C-alpha atoms as a PDB file:
ATOM      1  CA  UNK A   1      41.584  22.094  45.610  1.00  0.00           C
ATOM      2  CA  UNK A   2      44.856  21.763  43.698  1.00  0.00           C
ATOM      3  CA  UNK A   3      47.782  20.653  45.775  1.00  0.00           C
ATOM      4  CA  UNK A   4      50.891  22.819  45.871  1.00  0.00           C
ATOM      5  CA  UNK A   5      54.071  20.909  45.152  1.00  0.00           C
ATOM      6  CA  UNK A   6      55.417  22.532  48.306  1.00  0.00           C
ATOM      7  CA  UNK A   7      53.163  20.056  50.142  1.00  0.00           C
ATOM      8  CA  UNK A   8      54.616  17.021  48.301  1.00  0.00           C
ATOM      9  CA  UNK A   9      57.441  14.819  49.511  1.00  0.00           C
ATOM     10  CA  UNK A  10      60.996  15.837  48.814  1.00  0.00           C
ATOM     11  CA  UNK A  11      61.380  12.899  46.492  1.00  0.00           C
ATOM     12  CA  UNK A  12      58.311  13.905  44.417  1.00  0.00           C
ATOM     13  CA  UNK A  13      59.483  17.479  44.195  1.00  0.00           C
ATOM     14  CA  UNK A  14      62.956  16.349  43.003  1.00  0.00           C
ATOM     15  CA  UNK A  15      61.336  14.114  40.335  1.00  0.00           C
ATOM     16  CA  UNK A  16      59.320  17.086  39.046  1.00  0.00           C
ATOM     17  CA  UNK A  17      62.056  19.729  39.221  1.00  0.00           C
ATOM     18  CA  UNK A  18      62.726  20.901  35.649  1.00  0.00           C
ATOM     19  CA  UNK A  19      65.975  22.528  36.673  1.00  0.00           C
ATOM     20  CA  UNK A  20      67.406  18.957  36.516  1.00  0.00           C
ATOM     21  CA  UNK A  21      68.295  18.220  32.848  1.00  0.00           C
ATOM     22  CA  UNK A  22      66.941  14.701  32.824  1.00  0.00           C
ATOM     23  CA  UNK A  23      63.435  15.976  33.818  1.00  0.00           C
ATOM     24  CA  UNK A  24      63.536  18.615  31.119  1.00  0.00           C
ATOM     25  CA  UNK A  25      64.451  16.033  28.481  1.00  0.00           C
ATOM     26  CA  UNK A  26      61.613  13.747  29.717  1.00  0.00           C
ATOM     27  CA  UNK A  27      59.012  16.506  29.348  1.00  0.00           C
ATOM     28  CA  UNK A  28      60.288  17.558  25.922  1.00  0.00           C
ATOM     29  CA  UNK A  29      60.123  13.954  24.704  1.00  0.00           C
ATOM     30  CA  UNK A  30      56.715  13.377  26.265  1.00  0.00           C
ATOM     31  CA  UNK A  31      55.244  16.243  24.245  1.00  0.00           C
ATOM     32  CA  UNK A  32      57.469  15.764  21.213  1.00  0.00           C
ATOM     33  CA  UNK A  33      58.358  19.481  21.560  1.00  0.00           C
ATOM     34  CA  UNK A  34      60.308  21.286  18.812  1.00  0.00           C
ATOM     35  CA  UNK A  35      62.253  24.414  19.708  1.00  0.00           C
ATOM     36  CA  UNK A  36      61.083  27.475  17.885  1.00  0.00           C
ATOM     37  CA  UNK A  37      64.023  29.630  16.694  1.00  0.00           C
ATOM     38  CA  UNK A  38      61.737  32.551  16.070  1.00  0.00           C
ATOM     39  CA  UNK A  39      60.938  32.718  19.831  1.00  0.00           C
ATOM     40  CA  UNK A  40      64.600  32.408  20.854  1.00  0.00           C
ATOM     41  CA  UNK A  41      63.863  29.409  23.121  1.00  0.00           C
ATOM     42  CA  UNK A  42      66.675  28.289  25.398  1.00  0.00           C
ATOM     43  CA  UNK A  43      65.525  26.515  28.586  1.00  0.00           C
ATOM     44  CA  UNK A  44      67.540  26.850  31.793  1.00  0.00           C
ATOM     45  CA  UNK A  45      68.844  23.540  33.164  1.00  0.00           C
ATOM     46  CA  UNK A  46      70.873  24.497  36.195  1.00  0.00           C
ATOM     47  CA  UNK A  47      69.380  24.510  39.685  1.00  0.00           C
ATOM     48  CA  UNK A  48      72.179  26.708  41.104  1.00  0.00           C
ATOM     49  CA  UNK A  49      71.409  29.473  38.591  1.00  0.00           C
ATOM     50  CA  UNK A  50      67.687  29.178  39.328  1.00  0.00           C
ATOM     51  CA  UNK A  51      68.312  29.528  43.028  1.00  0.00           C
ATOM     52  CA  UNK A  52      70.534  32.568  42.320  1.00  0.00           C
ATOM     53  CA  UNK A  53      67.788  34.219  40.264  1.00  0.00           C
ATOM     54  CA  UNK A  54      65.092  33.705  42.933  1.00  0.00           C
ATOM     55  CA  UNK A  55      67.446  35.050  45.625  1.00  0.00           C
ATOM     56  CA  UNK A  56      68.582  38.035  43.539  1.00  0.00           C
ATOM     57  CA  UNK A  57      64.979  38.974  42.765  1.00  0.00           C
ATOM     58  CA  UNK A  58      64.217  38.797  46.465  1.00  0.00           C
ATOM     59  CA  UNK A  59      61.001  36.833  45.852  1.00  0.00           C
ATOM     60  CA  UNK A  60      59.032  36.344  49.059  1.00  0.00           C
ATOM     61  CA  UNK A  61      55.703  34.967  50.222  1.00  0.00           C
ATOM     62  CA  UNK A  62      53.888  38.318  49.857  1.00  0.00           C
ATOM     63  CA  UNK A  63      55.057  39.027  46.299  1.00  0.00           C
ATOM     64  CA  UNK A  64      53.164  39.020  43.074  1.00  0.00           C
ATOM     65  CA  UNK A  65      55.534  38.045  40.241  1.00  0.00           C
ATOM     66  CA  UNK A  66      55.162  38.461  36.501  1.00  0.00           C
ATOM     67  CA  UNK A  67      57.219  35.963  34.585  1.00  0.00           C
ATOM     68  CA  UNK A  68      57.836  36.649  30.858  1.00  0.00           C
ATOM     69  CA  UNK A  69      58.428  33.558  28.716  1.00  0.00           C
ATOM     70  CA  UNK A  70      58.130  30.691  31.197  1.00  0.00           C
ATOM     71  CA  UNK A  71      58.926  28.050  28.523  1.00  0.00           C
ATOM     72  CA  UNK A  72      58.115  24.638  30.057  1.00  0.00           C
ATOM     73  CA  UNK A  73      57.762  26.133  33.541  1.00  0.00           C
ATOM     74  CA  UNK A  74      61.305  25.568  34.875  1.00  0.00           C
ATOM     75  CA  UNK A  75      61.668  28.903  36.698  1.00  0.00           C
ATOM     76  CA  UNK A  76      57.932  29.156  37.266  1.00  0.00           C
ATOM     77  CA  UNK A  77      58.106  26.168  39.613  1.00  0.00           C
ATOM     78  CA  UNK A  78      60.743  28.011  41.741  1.00  0.00           C
ATOM     79  CA  UNK A  79      58.757  31.226  41.696  1.00  0.00           C
ATOM     80  CA  UNK A  80      55.494  29.492  42.699  1.00  0.00           C
ATOM     81  CA  UNK A  81      57.183  27.938  45.725  1.00  0.00           C
ATOM     82  CA  UNK A  82      58.429  31.287  46.899  1.00  0.00           C
ATOM     83  CA  UNK A  83      55.845  33.875  45.842  1.00  0.00           C
ATOM     84  CA  UNK A  84      52.219  34.519  46.781  1.00  0.00           C
ATOM     85  CA  UNK A  85      51.180  34.626  43.119  1.00  0.00           C
ATOM     86  CA  UNK A  86      52.803  34.127  39.698  1.00  0.00           C
ATOM     87  CA  UNK A  87      51.462  35.325  36.346  1.00  0.00           C
ATOM     88  CA  UNK A  88      53.305  33.534  33.561  1.00  0.00           C
ATOM     89  CA  UNK A  89      52.939  35.026  30.080  1.00  0.00           C
ATOM     90  CA  UNK A  90      53.929  32.657  27.222  1.00  0.00           C
ATOM     91  CA  UNK A  91      53.657  33.591  23.515  1.00  0.00           C
ATOM     92  CA  UNK A  92      54.103  29.993  22.129  1.00  0.00           C
ATOM     93  CA  UNK A  93      50.738  28.175  22.176  1.00  0.00           C
ATOM     94  CA  UNK A  94      52.556  24.890  21.790  1.00  0.00           C
ATOM     95  CA  UNK A  95      53.929  25.289  25.328  1.00  0.00           C
ATOM     96  CA  UNK A  96      50.576  25.873  27.052  1.00  0.00           C
ATOM     97  CA  UNK A  97      49.656  22.158  27.393  1.00  0.00           C
ATOM     98  CA  UNK A  98      53.160  21.521  28.775  1.00  0.00           C
ATOM     99  CA  UNK A  99      52.851  24.354  31.294  1.00  0.00           C
ATOM    100  CA  UNK A 100      49.424  23.095  32.383  1.00  0.00           C
ATOM    101  CA  UNK A 101      51.093  19.729  33.084  1.00  0.00           C
ATOM    102  CA  UNK A 102      54.337  20.921  34.771  1.00  0.00           C
ATOM    103  CA  UNK A 103      52.499  23.510  36.935  1.00  0.00           C
ATOM    104  CA  UNK A 104      49.385  21.415  37.676  1.00  0.00           C
ATOM    105  CA  UNK A 105      50.518  21.072  41.315  1.00  0.00           C
ATOM    106  CA  UNK A 106      50.377  24.810  41.994  1.00  0.00           C
ATOM    107  CA  UNK A 107      47.243  26.845  42.828  1.00  0.00           C
ATOM    108  CA  UNK A 108      49.030  30.148  42.754  1.00  0.00           C
ATOM    109  CA  UNK A 109      50.038  30.304  39.050  1.00  0.00           C
ATOM    110  CA  UNK A 110      48.077  31.910  36.202  1.00  0.00           C
ATOM    111  CA  UNK A 111      49.164  31.040  32.645  1.00  0.00           C
ATOM    112  CA  UNK A 112      48.508  33.514  29.855  1.00  0.00           C
ATOM    113  CA  UNK A 113      49.038  32.637  26.199  1.00  0.00           C
ATOM    114  CA  UNK A 114      49.871  36.227  25.048  1.00  0.00           C
ATOM    115  CA  UNK A 115      52.510  38.410  23.455  1.00  0.00           C
ATOM    116  CA  UNK A 116      53.945  40.307  26.442  1.00  0.00           C
ATOM    117  CA  UNK A 117      54.281  43.503  24.288  1.00  0.00           C
ATOM    118  CA  UNK A 118      50.473  43.499  23.916  1.00  0.00           C
ATOM    119  CA  UNK A 119      49.543  42.693  27.478  1.00  0.00           C
ATOM    120  CA  UNK A 120      48.058  45.371  29.814  1.00  0.00           C
ATOM    121  CA  UNK A 121      50.406  44.861  32.724  1.00  0.00           C
ATOM    122  CA  UNK A 122      48.933  47.728  34.609  1.00  0.00           C
ATOM    123  CA  UNK A 123      45.619  45.824  34.597  1.00  0.00           C
ATOM    124  CA  UNK A 124      47.366  42.694  35.872  1.00  0.00           C
ATOM    125  CA  UNK A 125      48.933  44.646  38.748  1.00  0.00           C
ATOM    126  CA  UNK A 126      45.537  46.118  39.606  1.00  0.00           C
ATOM    127  CA  UNK A 127      43.696  42.769  39.520  1.00  0.00           C
ATOM    128  CA  UNK A 128      46.364  40.587  41.077  1.00  0.00           C
ATOM    129  CA  UNK A 129      48.202  43.001  43.399  1.00  0.00           C
ATOM    130  CA  UNK A 130      45.771  45.807  44.159  1.00  0.00           C
ATOM    131  CA  UNK A 131      47.795  48.160  41.983  1.00  0.00           C
ATOM    132  CA  UNK A 132      50.899  47.726  44.140  1.00  0.00           C
ATOM    133  CA  UNK A 133      54.331  47.240  42.513  1.00  0.00           C
ATOM    134  CA  UNK A 134      55.045  43.805  41.184  1.00  0.00           C
ATOM    135  CA  UNK A 135      58.304  41.995  40.494  1.00  0.00           C
ATOM    136  CA  UNK A 136      59.272  40.872  37.010  1.00  0.00           C
ATOM    137  CA  UNK A 137      61.439  37.807  36.566  1.00  0.00           C
ATOM    138  CA  UNK A 138      62.373  36.369  33.166  1.00  0.00           C
ATOM    139  CA  UNK A 139      64.715  34.420  30.941  1.00  0.00           C
ATOM    140  CA  UNK A 140      64.392  36.761  27.977  1.00  0.00           C
ATOM    141  CA  UNK A 141      64.833  35.866  24.331  1.00  0.00           C
ATOM    142  CA  UNK A 142      67.846  37.796  23.114  1.00  0.00           C
ATOM    143  CA  UNK A 143      66.137  39.311  20.054  1.00  0.00           C
ATOM    144  CA  UNK A 144      63.378  41.103  22.031  1.00  0.00           C
ATOM    145  CA  UNK A 145      65.162  41.940  25.300  1.00  0.00           C
ATOM    146  CA  UNK A 146      65.315  45.751  24.770  1.00  0.00           C
ATOM    147  CA  UNK A 147      61.704  46.279  23.652  1.00  0.00           C
ATOM    148  CA  UNK A 148      60.372  44.247  26.594  1.00  0.00           C
ATOM    149  CA  UNK A 149      62.459  46.062  29.237  1.00  0.00           C
ATOM    150  CA  UNK A 150      61.895  49.510  27.747  1.00  0.00           C
ATOM    151  CA  UNK A 151      58.178  48.778  27.357  1.00  0.00           C
ATOM    152  CA  UNK A 152      57.921  47.984  31.044  1.00  0.00           C
ATOM    153  CA  UNK A 153      59.672  51.207  32.020  1.00  0.00           C
ATOM    154  CA  UNK A 154      58.092  53.605  29.469  1.00  0.00           C
ATOM    155  CA  UNK A 155      54.567  52.431  30.128  1.00  0.00           C
ATOM    156  CA  UNK A 156      55.123  53.239  33.812  1.00  0.00           C
ATOM    157  CA  UNK A 157      54.006  49.806  34.987  1.00  0.00           C
ATOM    158  CA  UNK A 158      53.989  49.559  38.794  1.00  0.00           C
ATOM    159  CA  UNK A 159      57.317  47.753  39.267  1.00  0.00           C
ATOM    160  CA  UNK A 160      59.548  47.053  42.192  1.00  0.00           C
ATOM    161  CA  UNK A 161      62.303  45.358  40.244  1.00  0.00           C
ATOM    162  CA  UNK A 162      63.092  43.430  37.024  1.00  0.00           C
ATOM    163  CA  UNK A 163      65.432  40.464  37.406  1.00  0.00           C
ATOM    164  CA  UNK A 164      66.198  38.978  33.972  1.00  0.00           C
ATOM    165  CA  UNK A 165      68.543  36.616  32.177  1.00  0.00           C
ATOM    166  CA  UNK A 166      69.810  38.372  29.104  1.00  0.00           C
ATOM    167  CA  UNK A 167      72.728  38.127  26.642  1.00  0.00           C
ATOM    168  CA  UNK A 168      75.939  39.108  28.521  1.00  0.00           C
ATOM    169  CA  UNK A 169      76.717  41.864  26.038  1.00  0.00           C
ATOM    170  CA  UNK A 170      73.336  43.441  26.630  1.00  0.00           C
ATOM    171  CA  UNK A 171      73.676  43.189  30.452  1.00  0.00           C
ATOM    172  CA  UNK A 172      77.038  44.923  30.182  1.00  0.00           C
ATOM    173  CA  UNK A 173      75.495  47.698  28.074  1.00  0.00           C
ATOM    174  CA  UNK A 174      72.841  48.375  30.719  1.00  0.00           C
ATOM    175  CA  UNK A 175      75.255  49.156  33.498  1.00  0.00           C
ATOM    176  CA  UNK A 176      78.260  50.904  31.913  1.00  0.00           C
ATOM    177  CA  UNK A 177      79.069  54.574  32.124  1.00  0.00           C
ATOM    178  CA  UNK A 178      80.333  57.311  29.676  1.00  0.00           C
ATOM    179  CA  UNK A 179      83.427  56.801  27.622  1.00  0.00           C
ATOM    180  CA  UNK A 180      83.115  53.035  27.112  1.00  0.00           C
ATOM    181  CA  UNK A 181      82.331  51.290  23.840  1.00  0.00           C
ATOM    182  CA  UNK A 182      79.187  49.608  25.275  1.00  0.00           C
ATOM    183  CA  UNK A 183      77.746  52.904  26.516  1.00  0.00           C
ATOM    184  CA  UNK A 184      74.742  54.090  24.588  1.00  0.00           C
ATOM    185  CA  UNK A 185      71.042  54.888  24.500  1.00  0.00           C
ATOM    186  CA  UNK A 186      70.157  51.611  26.309  1.00  0.00           C
ATOM    187  CA  UNK A 187      72.624  52.389  29.156  1.00  0.00           C
ATOM    188  CA  UNK A 188      71.098  55.816  29.721  1.00  0.00           C
ATOM    189  CA  UNK A 189      67.470  54.630  29.384  1.00  0.00           C
ATOM    190  CA  UNK A 190      67.887  51.850  31.941  1.00  0.00           C
ATOM    191  CA  UNK A 191      69.821  54.028  34.360  1.00  0.00           C
ATOM    192  CA  UNK A 192      67.207  56.731  34.189  1.00  0.00           C
ATOM    193  CA  UNK A 193      64.564  54.312  35.482  1.00  0.00           C
ATOM    194  CA  UNK A 194      66.542  51.867  37.561  1.00  0.00           C
ATOM    195  CA  UNK A 195      69.695  50.875  39.314  1.00  0.00           C
ATOM    196  CA  UNK A 196      71.338  48.049  37.273  1.00  0.00           C
ATOM    197  CA  UNK A 197      73.423  45.319  38.886  1.00  0.00           C
ATOM    198  CA  UNK A 198      74.781  42.138  37.226  1.00  0.00           C
ATOM    199  CA  UNK A 199      74.370  39.399  39.817  1.00  0.00           C
ATOM    200  CA  UNK A 200      75.543  36.317  37.882  1.00  0.00           C
ATOM    201  CA  UNK A 201      77.319  35.325  34.643  1.00  0.00           C
ATOM    202  CA  UNK A 202      75.856  32.206  33.081  1.00  0.00           C
ATOM    203  CA  UNK A 203      77.703  30.073  30.540  1.00  0.00           C
ATOM    204  CA  UNK A 204      76.037  28.436  27.532  1.00  0.00           C
ATOM    205  CA  UNK A 205      76.092  24.945  29.032  1.00  0.00           C
ATOM    206  CA  UNK A 206      73.395  25.987  31.527  1.00  0.00           C
ATOM    207  CA  UNK A 207      70.763  25.980  28.783  1.00  0.00           C
ATOM    208  CA  UNK A 208      69.033  23.548  26.427  1.00  0.00           C
ATOM    209  CA  UNK A 209      69.746  23.962  23.588  1.00  0.00           C
ATOM    210  CA  UNK A 210      73.035  25.781  24.175  1.00  0.00           C
ATOM    211  CA  UNK A 211      73.105  29.374  22.904  1.00  0.00           C
ATOM    212  CA  UNK A 212      76.178  30.558  21.019  1.00  0.00           C
ATOM    213  CA  UNK A 213      76.913  33.374  23.499  1.00  0.00           C
ATOM    214  CA  UNK A 214      77.219  33.805  27.235  1.00  0.00           C
ATOM    215  CA  UNK A 215      74.379  35.149  29.371  1.00  0.00           C
ATOM    216  CA  UNK A 216      74.053  37.172  32.539  1.00  0.00           C
ATOM    217  CA  UNK A 217      71.410  37.755  35.184  1.00  0.00           C
ATOM    218  CA  UNK A 218      70.854  41.483  35.823  1.00  0.00           C
ATOM    219  CA  UNK A 219      68.678  43.002  38.460  1.00  0.00           C
ATOM    220  CA  UNK A 220      67.112  46.438  37.708  1.00  0.00           C
ATOM    221  CA  UNK A 221      65.828  48.044  40.916  1.00  0.00           C
ATOM    222  CA  UNK A 222      63.237  50.637  39.961  1.00  0.00           C
ATOM    223  CA  UNK A 223      63.820  54.162  41.240  1.00  0.00           C
ATOM    224  CA  UNK A 224      60.819  55.724  42.981  1.00  0.00           C
ATOM    225  CA  UNK A 225      61.954  58.958  41.339  1.00  0.00           C
ATOM    226  CA  UNK A 226      64.447  59.320  38.451  1.00  0.00           C
ATOM    227  CA  UNK A 227      67.991  60.393  39.548  1.00  0.00           C
ATOM    228  CA  UNK A 228      67.811  63.473  37.264  1.00  0.00           C
ATOM    229  CA  UNK A 229      65.213  66.130  36.621  1.00  0.00           C
ATOM    230  CA  UNK A 230      63.926  66.689  33.137  1.00  0.00           C
ATOM    231  CA  UNK A 231      61.348  69.090  31.706  1.00  0.00           C
ATOM    232  CA  UNK A 232      60.152  66.591  29.124  1.00  0.00           C
ATOM    233  CA  UNK A 233      61.011  62.853  29.333  1.00  0.00           C
ATOM    234  CA  UNK A 234      60.205  62.222  25.674  1.00  0.00           C
ATOM    235  CA  UNK A 235      62.476  65.052  24.525  1.00  0.00           C
ATOM    236  CA  UNK A 236      65.231  63.684  26.695  1.00  0.00           C
ATOM    237  CA  UNK A 237      65.124  60.257  25.095  1.00  0.00           C
ATOM    238  CA  UNK A 238      64.777  61.661  21.591  1.00  0.00           C
ATOM    239  CA  UNK A 239      67.891  63.676  22.290  1.00  0.00           C
ATOM    240  CA  UNK A 240      69.737  60.545  23.607  1.00  0.00           C
ATOM    241  CA  UNK A 241      68.769  58.414  20.657  1.00  0.00           C
ATOM    242  CA  UNK A 242      69.834  61.109  18.172  1.00  0.00           C
ATOM    243  CA  UNK A 243      73.162  61.365  19.935  1.00  0.00           C
ATOM    244  CA  UNK A 244      74.018  57.716  19.423  1.00  0.00           C
ATOM    245  CA  UNK A 245      72.477  57.096  16.020  1.00  0.00           C
ATOM    246  CA  UNK A 246      75.786  58.007  14.432  1.00  0.00           C
ATOM    247  CA  UNK A 247      78.469  57.390  17.090  1.00  0.00           C
ATOM    248  CA  UNK A 248      81.384  58.776  15.087  1.00  0.00           C
ATOM    249  CA  UNK A 249      79.786  62.111  14.570  1.00  0.00           C
ATOM    250  CA  UNK A 250      79.916  64.990  17.041  1.00  0.00           C
ATOM    251  CA  UNK A 251      76.918  65.514  19.323  1.00  0.00           C
ATOM    252  CA  UNK A 252      76.028  68.666  17.372  1.00  0.00           C
ATOM    253  CA  UNK A 253      75.860  66.873  13.995  1.00  0.00           C
ATOM    254  CA  UNK A 254      74.069  63.901  15.509  1.00  0.00           C
ATOM    255  CA  UNK A 255      71.308  66.179  16.862  1.00  0.00           C
ATOM    256  CA  UNK A 256      71.017  68.157  13.647  1.00  0.00           C
ATOM    257  CA  UNK A 257      70.826  65.014  11.511  1.00  0.00           C
ATOM    258  CA  UNK A 258      67.998  63.632  13.610  1.00  0.00           C
ATOM    259  CA  UNK A 259      65.725  66.245  12.088  1.00  0.00           C
ATOM    260  CA  UNK A 260      62.947  65.807  14.692  1.00  0.00           C
ATOM    261  CA  UNK A 261      64.269  67.944  17.560  1.00  0.00           C
ATOM    262  CA  UNK A 262      63.443  71.304  16.140  1.00  0.00           C
ATOM    263  CA  UNK A 263      66.679  72.980  17.223  1.00  0.00           C
ATOM    264  CA  UNK A 264      69.304  74.999  15.307  1.00  0.00           C
ATOM    265  CA  UNK A 265      73.002  74.594  15.400  1.00  0.00           C
ATOM    266  CA  UNK A 266      73.369  77.905  17.134  1.00  0.00           C
ATOM    267  CA  UNK A 267      71.014  76.797  19.924  1.00  0.00           C
ATOM    268  CA  UNK A 268      72.872  73.543  20.419  1.00  0.00           C
ATOM    269  CA  UNK A 269      76.276  75.286  20.536  1.00  0.00           C
ATOM    270  CA  UNK A 270      74.949  77.850  23.025  1.00  0.00           C
ATOM    271  CA  UNK A 271      73.599  75.132  25.273  1.00  0.00           C
ATOM    272  CA  UNK A 272      76.902  73.281  25.163  1.00  0.00           C
ATOM    273  CA  UNK A 273      78.808  76.478  26.016  1.00  0.00           C
ATOM    274  CA  UNK A 274      76.605  77.106  29.020  1.00  0.00           C
ATOM    275  CA  UNK A 275      77.376  73.579  30.201  1.00  0.00           C
ATOM    276  CA  UNK A 276      81.112  74.083  29.732  1.00  0.00           C
ATOM    277  CA  UNK A 277      81.307  71.463  26.984  1.00  0.00           C
ATOM    278  CA  UNK A 278      83.255  71.568  23.701  1.00  0.00           C
ATOM    279  CA  UNK A 279      81.506  72.061  20.370  1.00  0.00           C
ATOM    280  CA  UNK A 280      83.151  68.867  19.203  1.00  0.00           C
ATOM    281  CA  UNK A 281      82.022  66.628  22.117  1.00  0.00           C
ATOM    282  CA  UNK A 282      80.510  63.302  21.248  1.00  0.00           C
ATOM    283  CA  UNK A 283      77.374  61.881  22.855  1.00  0.00           C
ATOM    284  CA  UNK A 284      79.253  58.982  24.370  1.00  0.00           C
ATOM    285  CA  UNK A 285      81.093  61.396  26.631  1.00  0.00           C
ATOM    286  CA  UNK A 286      77.977  62.836  28.340  1.00  0.00           C
ATOM    287  CA  UNK A 287      76.516  61.510  31.613  1.00  0.00           C
ATOM    288  CA  UNK A 288      72.774  61.070  32.174  1.00  0.00           C
ATOM    289  CA  UNK A 289      72.790  64.261  34.280  1.00  0.00           C
ATOM    290  CA  UNK A 290      74.407  66.206  31.404  1.00  0.00           C
ATOM    291  CA  UNK A 291      71.923  64.859  28.872  1.00  0.00           C
ATOM    292  CA  UNK A 292      69.014  65.920  31.142  1.00  0.00           C
ATOM    293  CA  UNK A 293      70.544  69.421  31.540  1.00  0.00           C
ATOM    294  CA  UNK A 294      71.092  69.714  27.761  1.00  0.00           C
ATOM    295  CA  UNK A 295      67.488  68.641  27.112  1.00  0.00           C
ATOM    296  CA  UNK A 296      66.168  71.213  29.588  1.00  0.00           C
ATOM    297  CA  UNK A 297      68.273  73.976  28.059  1.00  0.00           C
ATOM    298  CA  UNK A 298      67.130  73.170  24.506  1.00  0.00           C
ATOM    299  CA  UNK A 299      63.448  72.939  25.600  1.00  0.00           C
ATOM    300  CA  UNK A 300      63.703  76.553  26.846  1.00  0.00           C
END
């Protein structure tokens, strides 16, 4: 039977806590670990931020948590002490021996050496949580943030929430509304599936190595039902993407240039007229509700 670190003395737990920079450095030196730029590796070294993430995710003793990119296991330790079960998916095989070391004191952690974009998360939820919604917590590499988050939503994985550390600029994009420079396809896609809330801003000095930009922790609370009604979800998102592909163009021209929507200029103008919108309106001016209505009208 593997001991849980929760059963160890406070001194032993402190010595093993990777949120303390000295402990992270010790582990990296022990394994002669080299950071891989292609994986966007920046390890969190701030216990206050780690506590904030766990609290914001609302991780409790009955929860099954999926962690994407555990690194050396810094946040995994915190998750393991608070959740019933943790599945940690790490793409870098060089980190697996380190994780087996840093997490050896926990009997409620499963480590998977996989690419999260290729993992059957529905299967994980079925096997580990009886098909019930899981919580996703992650410190995501900046270069792959959007594909991971959208993959979780679009594949209709049983989710309760996603609490992730991302580039500050990306977090801002997820929560803004119409008429702002950051508003775009990502804003609308996220807000269709979940309620976004930035819960903490995190400066570069909280990571090792330091990234060149600031970060933020954002919590996406999944809607049980989308806030708008659409005839065809795929058509809606094709419409949204086409509207923002060329931001300076009018919505009409953006949709026509997409070439894959199968609509004429006359049909678009008629739909806009029915919605009380100008023929020269740009996509960035429309709300999610308006995009859904436009999609439904064009589908008819």
